[in-house]
Structures are given as C-alpha cells and as structure tokens.
Amino acid sequence: MVWGQTVIHCDRRVADHEAGGQGNDGAMAELSGKPKRGWKRKTSRTAVPVAARTDGAEGIRLGDLGDAIGFHLRLAQDASFRAFASQAGMRELKPGRFAAMTVIHANPGVTQAELGRAIARDKSSVTPVIQELERRGLVQRLRSPSDRRSITLTLTATGEETLRRLAAPAAEHDRKLDEIIGRQKPEFIRLLKKIADTLA
C-alpha cells in the first residue's frame, strides 16, 4: 500500500482514460465530463443524479468515479506514496523502487522474473525499475551461474545503505497508516489481498 508494491488495476474505464486509450464510447463520454441526460445506476441503492454530485476537489463532479473502488484505491496509493517520499526526504523516489530494493535485499540473487512476480509487475514494467536502480548504482545485475540465460539481482553497498536509510521513514509511515486504519487493519489488508489475488 505504501510504495506501490501491489499493483491493483482500476476498472477498465478508468485505466483506458489514464493510459490515453479510447475505451468504449460510453465510458469516454462519462470520463470526459460531457453532460449526460439524466442518470443511471447499476446498483440497487438510491441513485444520485450526476449533476448533483460534487464530491471531488473544489466541488468538481466526479460522476461515477465517486463510487469507484479502483479510483479511490489509486488516490489512496498516490497519497500514501507522496507522504512516504516526503517523510524519507527523497521526493525523486518513484513508486516500486523501495519495494524492489526490499525484495532484492531479502532475496540476494533473485531473478528479474521472480522480482516481477513478487512486486506484481510484468516484464515491461519491472525492467525500467531495475535499469533505473542499476543506473543509480543501487543494484547490480549478474548472469546466473546455474543458468546463463537468467539475470540475477543483488544490492550494491550503496543500495544496502540507501535501504537502511529508508527503513526508519518506512516504519514511521506505516505507523501513521496504522493510526488511520486502526482496528480495521486486519480486515482492510484481507480485502486488499482479496482484490489483488482475484484480479491477478
């Protein structure tokens, strides 16, 4: 939750919009903010006209996003990561880097494919993470002695020191999240895992 270690996909309408894709015409019309005639809901709860919903920043209408779990998961994840980066004094830190370094530290010699599975990233998204960490001198890639086709990953001395420096801010950030969630933490984590496992 803190550093994007679990990637949870928002519903396809939101994902298509954020990726610049076209999606279906109805979804694009909804996300573009164009006026719609009336309203419609897919649940049995009392529907609220889109025009009357001002649950976004500065009264901006969110439309169906106001009730979209995926949208609020992304907002919470973004806010959590920004707070952690600020706490660590590393505003240039990008999502997924801390998680990758933590897994590599705990599993010296892990392969890139294994790392991707552990932090829920496919090859196309985990490769840039490793390349950046290597460019910063935090990770080194070596040929596996047992399989020359595989690349193994280990932290450099600089990477180990950086991870140690991030440990205290990470613990403090998690403490703040614990305060926010309170006694609901076990159920909250259970639901997050259920979403990740179901959509994986």
Protein backbone atom coordinates (compact mmCIF):
# COMPACT_ATOMS: atom_id res chain seq x y z
CA MET A 1 0.00 0.00 0.00
CA VAL A 2 2.83 2.38 0.82
CA TRP A 3 5.08 2.15 -2.18
CA GLY A 4 3.01 0.57 -4.84
CA GLN A 5 4.23 -2.91 -4.04
CA THR A 6 0.86 -4.27 -5.09
CA VAL A 7 -0.45 -3.02 -8.39
CA ILE A 8 -4.21 -3.08 -8.43
CA HIS A 9 -5.85 -2.25 -11.71
CA CYS A 10 -8.70 0.19 -11.69
CA ASP A 11 -11.78 -0.67 -13.66
CA ARG A 12 -11.22 -0.63 -17.40
CA ARG A 13 -12.94 2.70 -17.95
CA VAL A 14 -10.52 4.49 -15.63
CA ALA A 15 -7.47 2.60 -16.90
CA ASP A 16 -8.30 3.37 -20.54
CA HIS A 17 -8.72 7.05 -19.76
CA GLU A 18 -5.47 7.38 -17.80
CA ALA A 19 -3.48 5.45 -20.41
CA GLY A 20 -4.81 7.67 -23.17
CA GLY A 21 -6.74 4.78 -24.70
CA GLN A 22 -10.14 5.10 -26.33
CA GLY A 23 -12.18 2.56 -24.40
CA ASN A 24 -15.87 2.28 -25.25
CA ASP A 25 -17.79 5.36 -26.33
CA GLY A 26 -19.99 5.44 -23.23
CA ALA A 27 -17.03 5.27 -20.85
CA MET A 28 -15.16 8.01 -22.71
CA ALA A 29 -18.17 10.28 -22.68
CA GLU A 30 -18.53 9.73 -18.96
CA LEU A 31 -14.85 10.40 -18.23
CA SER A 32 -14.61 13.41 -20.49
CA GLY A 33 -17.00 15.36 -18.29
CA LYS A 34 -19.54 15.91 -21.07
CA PRO A 35 -23.12 16.46 -19.82
CA LYS A 36 -25.27 13.36 -19.76
CA ARG A 37 -29.01 13.17 -19.93
CA GLY A 38 -30.39 12.11 -16.58
CA TRP A 39 -28.56 9.44 -14.68
CA LYS A 40 -28.47 5.73 -14.25
CA ARG A 41 -27.08 3.39 -11.64
CA LYS A 42 -26.21 -0.30 -11.75
CA THR A 43 -26.77 -0.93 -8.03
CA SER A 44 -29.94 -1.19 -6.02
CA ARG A 45 -29.05 1.80 -3.86
CA THR A 46 -30.77 5.14 -4.27
CA ALA A 47 -29.23 6.77 -7.30
CA VAL A 48 -27.82 10.30 -7.21
CA PRO A 49 -28.02 12.48 -10.34
CA VAL A 50 -24.52 13.01 -11.73
CA ALA A 51 -25.08 16.76 -11.93
CA ALA A 52 -25.71 16.90 -8.17
CA ARG A 53 -22.59 15.04 -7.10
CA THR A 54 -19.78 17.39 -6.04
CA ASP A 55 -17.54 15.01 -4.13
CA GLY A 56 -14.26 15.97 -5.80
CA ALA A 57 -11.75 18.72 -5.04
CA GLU A 58 -13.21 22.25 -5.21
CA GLY A 59 -16.67 20.91 -5.96
CA ILE A 60 -15.59 19.16 -9.18
CA ARG A 61 -18.13 16.49 -10.11
CA LEU A 62 -16.61 13.01 -10.14
CA GLY A 63 -19.59 11.32 -11.74
CA ASP A 64 -19.43 7.54 -11.35
CA LEU A 65 -15.84 7.81 -10.05
CA GLY A 66 -17.24 8.87 -6.67
CA ASP A 67 -18.29 5.25 -6.05
CA ALA A 68 -15.47 3.52 -7.99
CA ILE A 69 -13.28 1.41 -5.70
CA GLY A 70 -10.41 1.36 -8.19
CA PHE A 71 -10.34 5.16 -8.41
CA HIS A 72 -10.17 5.59 -4.63
CA LEU A 73 -7.53 2.87 -4.33
CA ARG A 74 -5.34 4.82 -6.74
CA LEU A 75 -5.91 8.11 -4.88
CA ALA A 76 -5.02 6.46 -1.56
CA GLN A 77 -1.94 4.78 -3.02
CA ASP A 78 -0.72 8.02 -4.62
CA ALA A 79 -1.27 9.99 -1.39
CA SER A 80 0.48 7.30 0.65
CA PHE A 81 3.50 7.21 -1.61
CA ARG A 82 3.85 11.00 -1.76
CA ALA A 83 3.75 11.13 2.04
CA PHE A 84 6.40 8.41 2.31
CA ALA A 85 8.72 10.08 -0.20
CA SER A 86 8.37 13.36 1.70
CA GLN A 87 8.98 11.63 5.04
CA ALA A 88 12.11 10.00 3.61
CA GLY A 89 13.34 13.30 2.18
CA MET A 90 13.55 11.71 -1.27
CA ARG A 91 10.89 13.37 -3.38
CA GLU A 92 12.55 11.94 -6.51
CA LEU A 93 11.83 8.40 -5.27
CA LYS A 94 9.42 6.68 -7.64
CA PRO A 95 6.76 4.06 -6.87
CA GLY A 96 8.00 0.49 -6.80
CA ARG A 97 11.68 1.30 -6.19
CA PHE A 98 11.62 0.78 -2.43
CA ALA A 99 9.61 -2.44 -2.80
CA ALA A 100 12.04 -3.76 -5.41
CA MET A 101 15.07 -2.99 -3.25
CA THR A 102 13.44 -4.57 -0.20
CA VAL A 103 12.72 -7.82 -2.08
CA ILE A 104 16.22 -7.93 -3.60
CA HIS A 105 17.74 -7.36 -0.16
CA ALA A 106 15.68 -10.20 1.30
CA ASN A 107 16.46 -12.48 -1.68
CA PRO A 108 20.02 -11.89 -2.93
CA GLY A 109 20.40 -13.37 -6.40
CA VAL A 110 16.69 -13.20 -7.18
CA THR A 111 15.95 -13.20 -10.89
CA GLN A 112 14.22 -10.35 -12.64
CA ALA A 113 11.21 -12.58 -13.37
CA GLU A 114 10.93 -13.62 -9.72
CA LEU A 115 11.15 -10.00 -8.61
CA GLY A 116 8.41 -9.02 -11.05
CA ARG A 117 6.09 -11.67 -9.64
CA ALA A 118 6.86 -10.64 -6.07
CA ILE A 119 6.00 -6.97 -6.60
CA ALA A 120 3.23 -7.64 -9.14
CA ARG A 121 4.94 -6.14 -12.18
CA ASP A 122 5.27 -7.68 -15.60
CA LYS A 123 8.49 -7.67 -17.64
CA SER A 124 7.67 -4.42 -19.42
CA SER A 125 7.24 -2.52 -16.14
CA VAL A 126 9.85 -4.20 -13.94
CA THR A 127 12.67 -3.73 -16.48
CA PRO A 128 12.68 0.11 -16.25
CA VAL A 129 12.70 -0.16 -12.45
CA ILE A 130 15.80 -2.38 -12.49
CA GLN A 131 17.50 -0.23 -15.13
CA GLU A 132 17.00 2.90 -13.05
CA LEU A 133 18.24 1.26 -9.85
CA GLU A 134 21.28 -0.03 -11.72
CA ARG A 135 21.93 3.40 -13.25
CA ARG A 136 21.87 4.91 -9.75
CA GLY A 137 24.38 2.33 -8.56
CA LEU A 138 21.91 0.66 -6.18
CA VAL A 139 21.55 -2.72 -7.90
CA GLN A 140 23.89 -4.91 -9.91
CA ARG A 141 22.83 -7.49 -12.47
CA LEU A 142 24.83 -10.68 -12.90
CA ARG A 143 24.49 -13.79 -15.02
CA SER A 144 23.15 -16.72 -13.05
CA PRO A 145 25.93 -19.30 -12.51
CA SER A 146 23.39 -22.12 -12.93
CA ASP A 147 21.57 -20.69 -15.93
CA ARG A 148 23.45 -18.25 -18.15
CA ARG A 149 20.18 -17.13 -19.71
CA SER A 150 18.95 -15.73 -16.38
CA ILE A 151 19.95 -12.43 -14.80
CA THR A 152 20.24 -12.29 -11.02
CA LEU A 153 19.93 -9.16 -8.91
CA THR A 154 21.75 -8.04 -5.78
CA LEU A 155 22.01 -4.72 -3.97
CA THR A 156 25.30 -2.85 -4.12
CA ALA A 157 26.87 -1.42 -0.96
CA THR A 158 25.25 1.89 -1.88
CA GLY A 159 21.93 0.14 -2.35
CA GLU A 160 22.17 -1.51 1.07
CA GLU A 161 22.99 1.84 2.70
CA THR A 162 20.11 3.57 0.91
CA LEU A 163 17.71 0.87 2.05
CA ARG A 164 18.91 1.21 5.65
CA ARG A 165 18.35 4.95 5.43
CA LEU A 166 14.79 4.39 4.21
CA ALA A 167 13.91 1.85 6.91
CA ALA A 168 13.10 4.39 9.65
CA PRO A 169 10.88 6.61 7.45
CA ALA A 170 9.13 3.50 6.16
CA ALA A 171 8.38 2.28 9.68
CA GLU A 172 7.13 5.72 10.71
CA HIS A 173 4.93 5.95 7.64
CA ASP A 174 3.41 2.54 8.34
CA ARG A 175 2.75 3.64 11.91
CA LYS A 176 0.75 6.60 10.60
CA LEU A 177 -1.22 4.32 8.30
CA ASP A 178 -1.93 2.04 11.26
CA GLU A 179 -3.33 5.04 13.14
CA ILE A 180 -5.60 5.88 10.22
CA ILE A 181 -6.94 2.34 9.77
CA GLY A 182 -6.99 1.44 13.46
CA ARG A 183 -8.56 -1.85 14.49
CA GLN A 184 -9.83 -2.41 10.96
CA LYS A 185 -6.30 -3.14 9.73
CA PRO A 186 -6.63 -6.97 9.54
CA GLU A 187 -9.89 -6.73 7.60
CA PHE A 188 -8.52 -3.92 5.42
CA ILE A 189 -5.45 -5.97 4.46
CA ARG A 190 -7.62 -9.03 3.88
CA LEU A 191 -9.77 -7.11 1.41
CA LEU A 192 -6.75 -5.64 -0.38
CA LYS A 193 -5.25 -9.12 -0.75
CA LYS A 194 -8.58 -10.43 -1.98
CA ILE A 195 -8.69 -7.76 -4.70
CA ALA A 196 -5.07 -8.42 -5.73
CA ASP A 197 -5.44 -12.22 -5.74
CA THR A 198 -8.77 -12.17 -7.58
CA LEU A 199 -7.62 -9.78 -10.29
CA ALA A 200 -4.12 -11.28 -10.70
